[in-house]
Protein backbone atom coordinates (compact mmCIF):
# COMPACT_ATOMS: atom_id res chain seq x y z
CA MET A 1 -12.63 -240.95 -25.07
CA ARG A 2 -9.20 -241.61 -26.52
CA GLN A 3 -7.62 -239.35 -23.91
CA VAL A 4 -9.25 -241.29 -21.09
CA ILE A 5 -8.02 -244.59 -22.50
CA GLY A 6 -4.52 -243.16 -22.99
CA LEU A 7 -4.40 -241.79 -19.46
CA THR A 8 -5.62 -245.08 -18.04
CA ALA A 9 -2.99 -246.98 -20.01
CA ALA A 10 -0.25 -244.64 -18.78
CA LEU A 11 -1.35 -245.03 -15.17
CA MET A 12 -1.46 -248.80 -15.50
CA LEU A 13 2.05 -248.79 -16.95
CA LEU A 14 3.36 -246.63 -14.09
CA ALA A 15 1.65 -248.78 -11.49
CA GLY A 16 3.02 -251.94 -13.05
CA CYS A 17 6.65 -250.84 -13.18
CA GLY A 18 6.81 -249.31 -9.73
CA GLY A 19 7.02 -245.72 -10.94
CA MET A 20 3.80 -244.80 -9.20
CA ASN A 21 5.06 -246.22 -5.91
CA ARG A 22 8.15 -244.03 -6.08
CA ALA A 23 6.09 -240.97 -7.01
CA VAL A 24 3.65 -241.49 -4.15
CA THR A 25 6.46 -241.76 -1.58
CA THR A 26 8.75 -239.03 -2.98
CA VAL A 27 6.32 -236.16 -3.53
CA PRO A 28 5.06 -235.91 0.08
CA ASN A 29 8.66 -235.96 1.36
CA THR A 30 9.48 -233.09 -1.00
CA PHE A 31 6.72 -230.92 0.44
CA ASP A 32 7.49 -231.62 4.12
CA ASP A 33 9.74 -228.60 4.61
CA LEU A 34 8.59 -226.50 1.66
CA GLY A 35 7.05 -223.88 3.96
CA ALA A 36 10.31 -223.36 5.82
CA LYS A 37 12.39 -223.26 2.63
CA SER A 38 10.14 -220.70 0.93
CA ALA A 39 9.56 -218.41 3.93
CA THR A 40 12.03 -215.79 2.72
CA LEU A 41 10.37 -215.69 -0.71
CA ARG A 42 7.05 -214.86 0.94
CA GLY A 43 8.62 -212.02 2.93
CA GLU A 44 8.68 -213.84 6.25
CA PRO A 45 11.82 -213.86 8.39
CA ALA A 46 14.15 -216.77 7.78
CA PRO A 47 13.86 -219.60 10.29
CA PRO A 48 16.83 -219.96 12.65
CA ALA A 49 19.55 -222.29 11.49
CA ALA A 50 19.55 -225.70 13.08
CA ALA A 51 22.48 -226.80 15.19
CA PRO A 52 24.81 -229.13 13.30
CA ALA A 53 24.54 -232.82 14.12
CA ARG A 54 27.50 -234.18 16.02
């Protein structure tokens, strides 16, 4: 029961200070291109390099 109360208090603190908002928006952006970045580790051929922006 103490763990539940502690976890709830920590989540309330994060939600109150804006930390949860940053976490919710940052984590999905991190995983957007994870498949392309880790393709060589899984044994798949590397994706072609993108043309540089001009």
